[in-house]
Amino acid sequence: MPTTNRKFSWTDDELVQDAFGCLAELNPDLLPEDLIDASVARLRDAQPICDVGFAAKISPVQTGIRGLQIADTCFYYPEDRGIAESVRLGRDMARAISS
């Protein structure tokens, strides 16, 4: 999000609670105690600089927990971060869960 967005200055707890609230809207069975851990990172730069061998460092989207996938924009590598790549990755993740 742009640094000028009001949410950029929110506390970590405010951001986590807001994000968790969005997840709870998608899954009404989600309870506050389901949140085990969270962290917040604020990036001011638009594009990361990846070192040699970066692709090999990216963890699988599918975690060790059946049906739990975790991804962010680094999973697009070597593509640039963008809406089209977000949609592609989201579709791939949804297909993986439904198959």
PDB file of N, CA and C in Angstrom:
ATOM      1  N   MET A   1       0.850  -1.173   0.000  1.00  0.00           N
ATOM      2  CA  MET A   1       0.000   0.000   0.000  1.00  0.00           C
ATOM      3  C   MET A   1       0.889   1.226   0.000  1.00  0.00           C
ATOM      4  N   PRO A   2       0.431   2.312  -0.558  1.00  0.00           N
ATOM      5  CA  PRO A   2       1.244   3.533  -0.551  1.00  0.00           C
ATOM      6  C   PRO A   2       1.483   4.026   0.883  1.00  0.00           C
ATOM      7  N   THR A   3       2.618   4.636   1.109  1.00  0.00           N
ATOM      8  CA  THR A   3       2.933   5.153   2.446  1.00  0.00           C
ATOM      9  C   THR A   3       1.978   6.269   2.849  1.00  0.00           C
ATOM     10  N   THR A   4       1.276   6.843   1.884  1.00  0.00           N
ATOM     11  CA  THR A   4       0.306   7.902   2.178  1.00  0.00           C
ATOM     12  C   THR A   4      -1.045   7.350   2.630  1.00  0.00           C
ATOM     13  N   ASN A   5      -1.254   6.054   2.470  1.00  0.00           N
ATOM     14  CA  ASN A   5      -2.499   5.438   2.919  1.00  0.00           C
ATOM     15  C   ASN A   5      -2.548   5.491   4.441  1.00  0.00           C
ATOM     16  N   ARG A   6      -3.673   5.868   5.008  1.00  0.00           N
ATOM     17  CA  ARG A   6      -3.794   6.017   6.467  1.00  0.00           C
ATOM     18  C   ARG A   6      -3.466   4.720   7.207  1.00  0.00           C
ATOM     19  N   LYS A   7      -3.743   3.583   6.580  1.00  0.00           N
ATOM     20  CA  LYS A   7      -3.470   2.305   7.232  1.00  0.00           C
ATOM     21  C   LYS A   7      -1.969   2.040   7.385  1.00  0.00           C
ATOM     22  N   PHE A   8      -1.141   2.680   6.567  1.00  0.00           N
ATOM     23  CA  PHE A   8       0.299   2.463   6.657  1.00  0.00           C
ATOM     24  C   PHE A   8       0.828   2.873   8.028  1.00  0.00           C
ATOM     25  N   SER A   9       0.175   3.835   8.669  1.00  0.00           N
ATOM     26  CA  SER A   9       0.636   4.310   9.979  1.00  0.00           C
ATOM     27  C   SER A   9      -0.059   3.593  11.143  1.00  0.00           C
ATOM     28  N   TRP A  10      -0.951   2.655  10.846  1.00  0.00           N
ATOM     29  CA  TRP A  10      -1.595   1.884  11.908  1.00  0.00           C
ATOM     30  C   TRP A  10      -0.546   1.075  12.666  1.00  0.00           C
ATOM     31  N   THR A  11      -0.865   0.722  13.895  1.00  0.00           N
ATOM     32  CA  THR A  11       0.011  -0.159  14.659  1.00  0.00           C
ATOM     33  C   THR A  11      -0.047  -1.559  14.044  1.00  0.00           C
ATOM     34  N   ASP A  12       0.943  -2.388  14.357  1.00  0.00           N
ATOM     35  CA  ASP A  12       0.940  -3.762  13.869  1.00  0.00           C
ATOM     36  C   ASP A  12      -0.343  -4.477  14.287  1.00  0.00           C
ATOM     37  N   ASP A  13      -0.742  -4.268  15.540  1.00  0.00           N
ATOM     38  CA  ASP A  13      -1.945  -4.937  16.044  1.00  0.00           C
ATOM     39  C   ASP A  13      -3.181  -4.501  15.259  1.00  0.00           C
ATOM     40  N   GLU A  14      -3.284  -3.214  14.946  1.00  0.00           N
ATOM     41  CA  GLU A  14      -4.440  -2.745  14.166  1.00  0.00           C
ATOM     42  C   GLU A  14      -4.470  -3.405  12.792  1.00  0.00           C
ATOM     43  N   LEU A  15      -3.320  -3.505  12.151  1.00  0.00           N
ATOM     44  CA  LEU A  15      -3.264  -4.135  10.833  1.00  0.00           C
ATOM     45  C   LEU A  15      -3.613  -5.614  10.899  1.00  0.00           C
ATOM     46  N   VAL A  16      -3.083  -6.306  11.895  1.00  0.00           N
ATOM     47  CA  VAL A  16      -3.372  -7.734  12.049  1.00  0.00           C
ATOM     48  C   VAL A  16      -4.857  -7.946  12.316  1.00  0.00           C
ATOM     49  N   GLN A  17      -5.425  -7.154  13.206  1.00  0.00           N
ATOM     50  CA  GLN A  17      -6.847  -7.300  13.520  1.00  0.00           C
ATOM     51  C   GLN A  17      -7.722  -7.001  12.308  1.00  0.00           C
ATOM     52  N   ASP A  18      -7.339  -5.995  11.516  1.00  0.00           N
ATOM     53  CA  ASP A  18      -8.091  -5.666  10.311  1.00  0.00           C
ATOM     54  C   ASP A  18      -8.021  -6.819   9.311  1.00  0.00           C
ATOM     55  N   ALA A  19      -6.816  -7.353   9.088  1.00  0.00           N
ATOM     56  CA  ALA A  19      -6.652  -8.467   8.150  1.00  0.00           C
ATOM     57  C   ALA A  19      -7.400  -9.707   8.636  1.00  0.00           C
ATOM     58  N   PHE A  20      -7.298  -9.990   9.928  1.00  0.00           N
ATOM     59  CA  PHE A  20      -7.987 -11.159  10.477  1.00  0.00           C
ATOM     60  C   PHE A  20      -9.509 -10.978  10.361  1.00  0.00           C
ATOM     61  N   GLY A  21      -9.969  -9.748  10.537  1.00  0.00           N
ATOM     62  CA  GLY A  21     -11.397  -9.468  10.367  1.00  0.00           C
ATOM     63  C   GLY A  21     -11.867  -9.764   8.956  1.00  0.00           C
ATOM     64  N   CYS A  22     -11.028  -9.464   7.977  1.00  0.00           N
ATOM     65  CA  CYS A  22     -11.371  -9.772   6.581  1.00  0.00           C
ATOM     66  C   CYS A  22     -11.451 -11.276   6.369  1.00  0.00           C
ATOM     67  N   LEU A  23     -10.510 -12.009   6.957  1.00  0.00           N
ATOM     68  CA  LEU A  23     -10.546 -13.470   6.847  1.00  0.00           C
ATOM     69  C   LEU A  23     -11.798 -14.035   7.517  1.00  0.00           C
ATOM     70  N   ALA A  24     -12.175 -13.455   8.650  1.00  0.00           N
ATOM     71  CA  ALA A  24     -13.370 -13.924   9.364  1.00  0.00           C
ATOM     72  C   ALA A  24     -14.637 -13.662   8.550  1.00  0.00           C
ATOM     73  N   GLU A  25     -14.635 -12.604   7.737  1.00  0.00           N
ATOM     74  CA  GLU A  25     -15.787 -12.358   6.860  1.00  0.00           C
ATOM     75  C   GLU A  25     -15.891 -13.455   5.806  1.00  0.00           C
ATOM     76  N   LEU A  26     -14.743 -13.940   5.334  1.00  0.00           N
ATOM     77  CA  LEU A  26     -14.739 -15.013   4.344  1.00  0.00           C
ATOM     78  C   LEU A  26     -15.077 -16.360   4.962  1.00  0.00           C
ATOM     79  N   ASN A  27     -14.670 -16.544   6.233  1.00  0.00           N
ATOM     80  CA  ASN A  27     -14.910 -17.806   6.927  1.00  0.00           C
ATOM     81  C   ASN A  27     -15.487 -17.506   8.310  1.00  0.00           C
ATOM     82  N   PRO A  28     -16.808 -17.460   8.423  1.00  0.00           N
ATOM     83  CA  PRO A  28     -17.444 -17.133   9.698  1.00  0.00           C
ATOM     84  C   PRO A  28     -17.112 -18.095  10.835  1.00  0.00           C
ATOM     85  N   ASP A  29     -16.602 -19.286  10.523  1.00  0.00           N
ATOM     86  CA  ASP A  29     -16.227 -20.243  11.568  1.00  0.00           C
ATOM     87  C   ASP A  29     -14.872 -19.921  12.196  1.00  0.00           C
ATOM     88  N   LEU A  30     -14.161 -18.972  11.626  1.00  0.00           N
ATOM     89  CA  LEU A  30     -12.851 -18.588  12.143  1.00  0.00           C
ATOM     90  C   LEU A  30     -13.017 -17.873  13.483  1.00  0.00           C
ATOM     91  N   LEU A  31     -12.259 -18.305  14.472  1.00  0.00           N
ATOM     92  CA  LEU A  31     -12.346 -17.736  15.819  1.00  0.00           C
ATOM     93  C   LEU A  31     -11.063 -16.991  16.161  1.00  0.00           C
ATOM     94  N   PRO A  32     -11.134 -16.008  17.067  1.00  0.00           N
ATOM     95  CA  PRO A  32      -9.917 -15.271  17.453  1.00  0.00           C
ATOM     96  C   PRO A  32      -8.783 -16.192  17.900  1.00  0.00           C
ATOM     97  N   GLU A  33      -9.110 -17.283  18.565  1.00  0.00           N
ATOM     98  CA  GLU A  33      -8.051 -18.193  19.029  1.00  0.00           C
ATOM     99  C   GLU A  33      -7.410 -18.992  17.888  1.00  0.00           C
ATOM    100  N   ASP A  34      -7.992 -18.909  16.683  1.00  0.00           N
ATOM    101  CA  ASP A  34      -7.387 -19.561  15.522  1.00  0.00           C
ATOM    102  C   ASP A  34      -6.141 -18.815  15.040  1.00  0.00           C
ATOM    103  N   LEU A  35      -6.020 -17.565  15.428  1.00  0.00           N
ATOM    104  CA  LEU A  35      -4.839 -16.781  15.064  1.00  0.00           C
ATOM    105  C   LEU A  35      -3.700 -17.165  15.994  1.00  0.00           C
ATOM    106  N   ILE A  36      -2.752 -17.908  15.464  1.00  0.00           N
ATOM    107  CA  ILE A  36      -1.636 -18.414  16.267  1.00  0.00           C
ATOM    108  C   ILE A  36      -0.509 -17.397  16.331  1.00  0.00           C
ATOM    109  N   ASP A  37      -0.212 -16.765  15.205  1.00  0.00           N
ATOM    110  CA  ASP A  37       0.886 -15.809  15.153  1.00  0.00           C
ATOM    111  C   ASP A  37       0.693 -14.913  13.938  1.00  0.00           C
ATOM    112  N   ALA A  38       1.267 -13.742  13.994  1.00  0.00           N
ATOM    113  CA  ALA A  38       1.189 -12.818  12.864  1.00  0.00           C
ATOM    114  C   ALA A  38       2.357 -11.855  12.943  1.00  0.00           C
ATOM    115  N   SER A  39       2.752 -11.353  11.804  1.00  0.00           N
ATOM    116  CA  SER A  39       3.778 -10.315  11.775  1.00  0.00           C
ATOM    117  C   SER A  39       3.433  -9.336  10.667  1.00  0.00           C
ATOM    118  N   VAL A  40       3.938  -8.140  10.803  1.00  0.00           N
ATOM    119  CA  VAL A  40       3.662  -7.077   9.846  1.00  0.00           C
ATOM    120  C   VAL A  40       4.990  -6.576   9.296  1.00  0.00           C
ATOM    121  N   ALA A  41       5.039  -6.380   8.005  1.00  0.00           N
ATOM    122  CA  ALA A  41       6.219  -5.796   7.358  1.00  0.00           C
ATOM    123  C   ALA A  41       5.758  -4.589   6.547  1.00  0.00           C
ATOM    124  N   ARG A  42       6.456  -3.527   6.698  1.00  0.00           N
ATOM    125  CA  ARG A  42       6.139  -2.313   5.938  1.00  0.00           C
ATOM    126  C   ARG A  42       7.276  -2.063   4.956  1.00  0.00           C
ATOM    127  N   LEU A  43       6.964  -2.138   3.683  1.00  0.00           N
ATOM    128  CA  LEU A  43       7.966  -1.933   2.646  1.00  0.00           C
ATOM    129  C   LEU A  43       7.713  -0.603   1.955  1.00  0.00           C
ATOM    130  N   ARG A  44       8.713   0.218   1.905  1.00  0.00           N
ATOM    131  CA  ARG A  44       8.571   1.518   1.254  1.00  0.00           C
ATOM    132  C   ARG A  44       8.982   1.471  -0.212  1.00  0.00           C
ATOM    133  N   ASP A  45       9.712   0.438  -0.613  1.00  0.00           N
ATOM    134  CA  ASP A  45      10.185   0.341  -1.987  1.00  0.00           C
ATOM    135  C   ASP A  45       9.207  -0.462  -2.822  1.00  0.00           C
ATOM    136  N   ALA A  46       9.153  -0.140  -4.093  1.00  0.00           N
ATOM    137  CA  ALA A  46       8.164  -0.740  -4.973  1.00  0.00           C
ATOM    138  C   ALA A  46       8.516  -2.154  -5.423  1.00  0.00           C
ATOM    139  N   GLN A  47       9.786  -2.439  -5.584  1.00  0.00           N
ATOM    140  CA  GLN A  47      10.169  -3.730  -6.141  1.00  0.00           C
ATOM    141  C   GLN A  47      11.392  -4.258  -5.393  1.00  0.00           C
ATOM    142  N   PRO A  48      11.348  -5.496  -4.936  1.00  0.00           N
ATOM    143  CA  PRO A  48      12.524  -6.044  -4.256  1.00  0.00           C
ATOM    144  C   PRO A  48      13.651  -6.341  -5.252  1.00  0.00           C
ATOM    145  N   ILE A  49      14.834  -6.369  -4.748  1.00  0.00           N
ATOM    146  CA  ILE A  49      15.982  -6.778  -5.544  1.00  0.00           C
ATOM    147  C   ILE A  49      16.335  -8.192  -5.096  1.00  0.00           C
ATOM    148  N   CYS A  50      16.214  -9.144  -6.008  1.00  0.00           N
ATOM    149  CA  CYS A  50      16.423 -10.553  -5.674  1.00  0.00           C
ATOM    150  C   CYS A  50      17.855 -10.946  -5.999  1.00  0.00           C
ATOM    151  N   ASP A  51      18.476 -11.670  -5.085  1.00  0.00           N
ATOM    152  CA  ASP A  51      19.836 -12.132  -5.313  1.00  0.00           C
ATOM    153  C   ASP A  51      19.837 -13.404  -6.162  1.00  0.00           C
ATOM    154  N   VAL A  52      21.008 -13.799  -6.614  1.00  0.00           N
ATOM    155  CA  VAL A  52      21.161 -15.002  -7.418  1.00  0.00           C
ATOM    156  C   VAL A  52      20.671 -16.200  -6.604  1.00  0.00           C
ATOM    157  N   GLY A  53      19.901 -17.053  -7.237  1.00  0.00           N
ATOM    158  CA  GLY A  53      19.382 -18.236  -6.569  1.00  0.00           C
ATOM    159  C   GLY A  53      18.118 -17.989  -5.763  1.00  0.00           C
ATOM    160  N   PHE A  54      17.500 -16.828  -5.922  1.00  0.00           N
ATOM    161  CA  PHE A  54      16.309 -16.483  -5.137  1.00  0.00           C
ATOM    162  C   PHE A  54      15.189 -17.498  -5.321  1.00  0.00           C
ATOM    163  N   ALA A  55      14.954 -17.934  -6.551  1.00  0.00           N
ATOM    164  CA  ALA A  55      13.842 -18.852  -6.824  1.00  0.00           C
ATOM    165  C   ALA A  55      13.940 -20.121  -5.990  1.00  0.00           C
ATOM    166  N   ALA A  56      15.148 -20.589  -5.744  1.00  0.00           N
ATOM    167  CA  ALA A  56      15.336 -21.815  -4.957  1.00  0.00           C
ATOM    168  C   ALA A  56      15.018 -21.603  -3.483  1.00  0.00           C
ATOM    169  N   LYS A  57      14.954 -20.360  -3.040  1.00  0.00           N
ATOM    170  CA  LYS A  57      14.685 -20.047  -1.630  1.00  0.00           C
ATOM    171  C   LYS A  57      13.198 -19.919  -1.324  1.00  0.00           C
ATOM    172  N   ILE A  58      12.380 -19.843  -2.366  1.00  0.00           N
ATOM    173  CA  ILE A  58      10.941 -19.654  -2.172  1.00  0.00           C
ATOM    174  C   ILE A  58      10.319 -20.968  -1.700  1.00  0.00           C
ATOM    175  N   SER A  59       9.628 -20.919  -0.583  1.00  0.00           N
ATOM    176  CA  SER A  59       8.956 -22.101  -0.035  1.00  0.00           C
ATOM    177  C   SER A  59       7.782 -22.496  -0.912  1.00  0.00           C
ATOM    178  N   PRO A  60       7.337 -23.731  -0.838  1.00  0.00           N
ATOM    179  CA  PRO A  60       6.130 -24.126  -1.558  1.00  0.00           C
ATOM    180  C   PRO A  60       4.915 -23.354  -1.021  1.00  0.00           C
ATOM    181  N   VAL A  61       3.969 -23.084  -1.897  1.00  0.00           N
ATOM    182  CA  VAL A  61       2.735 -22.402  -1.486  1.00  0.00           C
ATOM    183  C   VAL A  61       1.974 -23.272  -0.489  1.00  0.00           C
ATOM    184  N   GLN A  62       1.910 -24.571  -0.763  1.00  0.00           N
ATOM    185  CA  GLN A  62       1.218 -25.493   0.138  1.00  0.00           C
ATOM    186  C   GLN A  62       2.085 -25.734   1.367  1.00  0.00           C
ATOM    187  N   THR A  63       1.537 -25.473   2.531  1.00  0.00           N
ATOM    188  CA  THR A  63       2.258 -25.689   3.778  1.00  0.00           C
ATOM    189  C   THR A  63       2.122 -27.145   4.206  1.00  0.00           C
ATOM    190  N   GLY A  64       2.674 -27.475   5.339  1.00  0.00           N
ATOM    191  CA  GLY A  64       2.544 -28.821   5.879  1.00  0.00           C
ATOM    192  C   GLY A  64       1.164 -29.102   6.440  1.00  0.00           C
ATOM    193  N   ILE A  65       0.307 -28.094   6.476  1.00  0.00           N
ATOM    194  CA  ILE A  65      -1.071 -28.251   6.963  1.00  0.00           C
ATOM    195  C   ILE A  65      -1.981 -28.412   5.752  1.00  0.00           C
ATOM    196  N   ARG A  66      -2.674 -29.512   5.686  1.00  0.00           N
ATOM    197  CA  ARG A  66      -3.538 -29.808   4.537  1.00  0.00           C
ATOM    198  C   ARG A  66      -4.511 -28.659   4.284  1.00  0.00           C
ATOM    199  N   GLY A  67      -4.497 -28.150   3.066  1.00  0.00           N
ATOM    200  CA  GLY A  67      -5.414 -27.096   2.661  1.00  0.00           C
ATOM    201  C   GLY A  67      -4.965 -25.686   3.004  1.00  0.00           C
ATOM    202  N   LEU A  68      -3.883 -25.534   3.762  1.00  0.00           N
ATOM    203  CA  LEU A  68      -3.389 -24.195   4.112  1.00  0.00           C
ATOM    204  C   LEU A  68      -2.275 -23.817   3.155  1.00  0.00           C
ATOM    205  N   GLN A  69      -2.526 -22.771   2.398  1.00  0.00           N
ATOM    206  CA  GLN A  69      -1.543 -22.251   1.461  1.00  0.00           C
ATOM    207  C   GLN A  69      -1.156 -20.849   1.893  1.00  0.00           C
ATOM    208  N   ILE A  70       0.094 -20.514   1.707  1.00  0.00           N
ATOM    209  CA  ILE A  70       0.572 -19.176   2.046  1.00  0.00           C
ATOM    210  C   ILE A  70       1.408 -18.670   0.884  1.00  0.00           C
ATOM    211  N   ALA A  71       1.124 -17.457   0.440  1.00  0.00           N
ATOM    212  CA  ALA A  71       1.883 -16.873  -0.664  1.00  0.00           C
ATOM    213  C   ALA A  71       1.847 -15.358  -0.556  1.00  0.00           C
ATOM    214  N   ASP A  72       2.823 -14.742  -1.155  1.00  0.00           N
ATOM    215  CA  ASP A  72       2.803 -13.292  -1.319  1.00  0.00           C
ATOM    216  C   ASP A  72       3.410 -12.991  -2.684  1.00  0.00           C
ATOM    217  N   THR A  73       3.705 -11.751  -2.947  1.00  0.00           N
ATOM    218  CA  THR A  73       4.144 -11.377  -4.289  1.00  0.00           C
ATOM    219  C   THR A  73       5.505 -11.945  -4.678  1.00  0.00           C
ATOM    220  N   CYS A  74       6.297 -12.432  -3.732  1.00  0.00           N
ATOM    221  CA  CYS A  74       7.583 -13.042  -4.128  1.00  0.00           C
ATOM    222  C   CYS A  74       7.345 -14.327  -4.907  1.00  0.00           C
ATOM    223  N   PHE A  75       6.171 -14.930  -4.773  1.00  0.00           N
ATOM    224  CA  PHE A  75       5.869 -16.171  -5.479  1.00  0.00           C
ATOM    225  C   PHE A  75       5.670 -15.949  -6.973  1.00  0.00           C
ATOM    226  N   TYR A  76       5.633 -14.697  -7.423  1.00  0.00           N
ATOM    227  CA  TYR A  76       5.516 -14.396  -8.855  1.00  0.00           C
ATOM    228  C   TYR A  76       6.874 -14.477  -9.547  1.00  0.00           C
ATOM    229  N   TYR A  77       7.948 -14.481  -8.766  1.00  0.00           N
ATOM    230  CA  TYR A  77       9.291 -14.420  -9.326  1.00  0.00           C
ATOM    231  C   TYR A  77       9.451 -15.458 -10.423  1.00  0.00           C
ATOM    232  N   PRO A  78       9.970 -15.126 -11.579  1.00  0.00           N
ATOM    233  CA  PRO A  78      10.654 -13.889 -11.935  1.00  0.00           C
ATOM    234  C   PRO A  78       9.765 -12.815 -12.556  1.00  0.00           C
ATOM    235  N   GLU A  79       8.454 -13.009 -12.528  1.00  0.00           N
ATOM    236  CA  GLU A  79       7.546 -12.007 -13.077  1.00  0.00           C
ATOM    237  C   GLU A  79       7.494 -10.782 -12.160  1.00  0.00           C
ATOM    238  N   ASP A  80       7.121  -9.622 -12.719  1.00  0.00           N
ATOM    239  CA  ASP A  80       6.913  -8.432 -11.906  1.00  0.00           C
ATOM    240  C   ASP A  80       5.623  -8.581 -11.117  1.00  0.00           C
ATOM    241  N   ARG A  81       5.569  -7.933  -9.969  1.00  0.00           N
ATOM    242  CA  ARG A  81       4.348  -7.965  -9.165  1.00  0.00           C
ATOM    243  C   ARG A  81       3.283  -7.139  -9.872  1.00  0.00           C
ATOM    244  N   GLY A  82       2.089  -7.684  -9.958  1.00  0.00           N
ATOM    245  CA  GLY A  82       0.997  -6.971 -10.610  1.00  0.00           C
ATOM    246  C   GLY A  82      -0.305  -7.702 -10.418  1.00  0.00           C
ATOM    247  N   ILE A  83      -1.380  -7.054 -10.804  1.00  0.00           N
ATOM    248  CA  ILE A  83      -2.713  -7.622 -10.617  1.00  0.00           C
ATOM    249  C   ILE A  83      -2.871  -8.915 -11.412  1.00  0.00           C
ATOM    250  N   ALA A  84      -2.375  -8.937 -12.651  1.00  0.00           N
ATOM    251  CA  ALA A  84      -2.517 -10.135 -13.475  1.00  0.00           C
ATOM    252  C   ALA A  84      -1.828 -11.329 -12.818  1.00  0.00           C
ATOM    253  N   GLU A  85      -0.651 -11.108 -12.250  1.00  0.00           N
ATOM    254  CA  GLU A  85       0.055 -12.201 -11.579  1.00  0.00           C
ATOM    255  C   GLU A  85      -0.665 -12.614 -10.304  1.00  0.00           C
ATOM    256  N   SER A  86      -1.262 -11.653  -9.596  1.00  0.00           N
ATOM    257  CA  SER A  86      -2.039 -11.991  -8.396  1.00  0.00           C
ATOM    258  C   SER A  86      -3.210 -12.891  -8.758  1.00  0.00           C
ATOM    259  N   VAL A  87      -3.896 -12.550  -9.814  1.00  0.00           N
ATOM    260  CA  VAL A  87      -5.045 -13.341 -10.260  1.00  0.00           C
ATOM    261  C   VAL A  87      -4.583 -14.735 -10.676  1.00  0.00           C
ATOM    262  N   ARG A  88      -3.489 -14.824 -11.430  1.00  0.00           N
ATOM    263  CA  ARG A  88      -2.971 -16.120 -11.865  1.00  0.00           C
ATOM    264  C   ARG A  88      -2.616 -16.996 -10.668  1.00  0.00           C
ATOM    265  N   LEU A  89      -1.875 -16.432  -9.720  1.00  0.00           N
ATOM    266  CA  LEU A  89      -1.470 -17.209  -8.550  1.00  0.00           C
ATOM    267  C   LEU A  89      -2.691 -17.631  -7.734  1.00  0.00           C
ATOM    268  N   GLY A  90      -3.651 -16.715  -7.558  1.00  0.00           N
ATOM    269  CA  GLY A  90      -4.878 -17.057  -6.824  1.00  0.00           C
ATOM    270  C   GLY A  90      -5.641 -18.194  -7.479  1.00  0.00           C
ATOM    271  N   ARG A  91      -5.729 -18.160  -8.784  1.00  0.00           N
ATOM    272  CA  ARG A  91      -6.412 -19.252  -9.506  1.00  0.00           C
ATOM    273  C   ARG A  91      -5.662 -20.568  -9.338  1.00  0.00           C
ATOM    274  N   ASP A  92      -4.340 -20.504  -9.459  1.00  0.00           N
ATOM    275  CA  ASP A  92      -3.538 -21.725  -9.279  1.00  0.00           C
ATOM    276  C   ASP A  92      -3.743 -22.298  -7.879  1.00  0.00           C
ATOM    277  N   MET A  93      -3.762 -21.428  -6.875  1.00  0.00           N
ATOM    278  CA  MET A  93      -3.946 -21.879  -5.500  1.00  0.00           C
ATOM    279  C   MET A  93      -5.340 -22.493  -5.309  1.00  0.00           C
ATOM    280  N   ALA A  94      -6.361 -21.849  -5.881  1.00  0.00           N
ATOM    281  CA  ALA A  94      -7.725 -22.367  -5.757  1.00  0.00           C
ATOM    282  C   ALA A  94      -7.850 -23.731  -6.433  1.00  0.00           C
ATOM    283  N   ARG A  95      -7.228 -23.870  -7.618  1.00  0.00           N
ATOM    284  CA  ARG A  95      -7.255 -25.160  -8.307  1.00  0.00           C
ATOM    285  C   ARG A  95      -6.586 -26.252  -7.489  1.00  0.00           C
ATOM    286  N   ALA A  96      -5.486 -25.906  -6.834  1.00  0.00           N
ATOM    287  CA  ALA A  96      -4.761 -26.887  -6.026  1.00  0.00           C
ATOM    288  C   ALA A  96      -5.608 -27.374  -4.860  1.00  0.00           C
ATOM    289  N   ILE A  97      -6.398 -26.489  -4.267  1.00  0.00           N
ATOM    290  CA  ILE A  97      -7.246 -26.885  -3.139  1.00  0.00           C
ATOM    291  C   ILE A  97      -8.437 -27.713  -3.620  1.00  0.00           C
ATOM    292  N   SER A  98      -8.979 -27.355  -4.781  1.00  0.00           N
ATOM    293  CA  SER A  98     -10.193 -28.045  -5.246  1.00  0.00           C
ATOM    294  C   SER A  98      -9.904 -29.385  -5.897  1.00  0.00           C
ATOM    295  N   SER A  99      -8.640 -29.682  -6.174  1.00  0.00           N
ATOM    296  CA  SER A  99      -8.344 -30.960  -6.852  1.00  0.00           C
ATOM    297  C   SER A  99      -7.971 -32.041  -5.865  1.00  0.00           C
TER     298      SER A  99
END
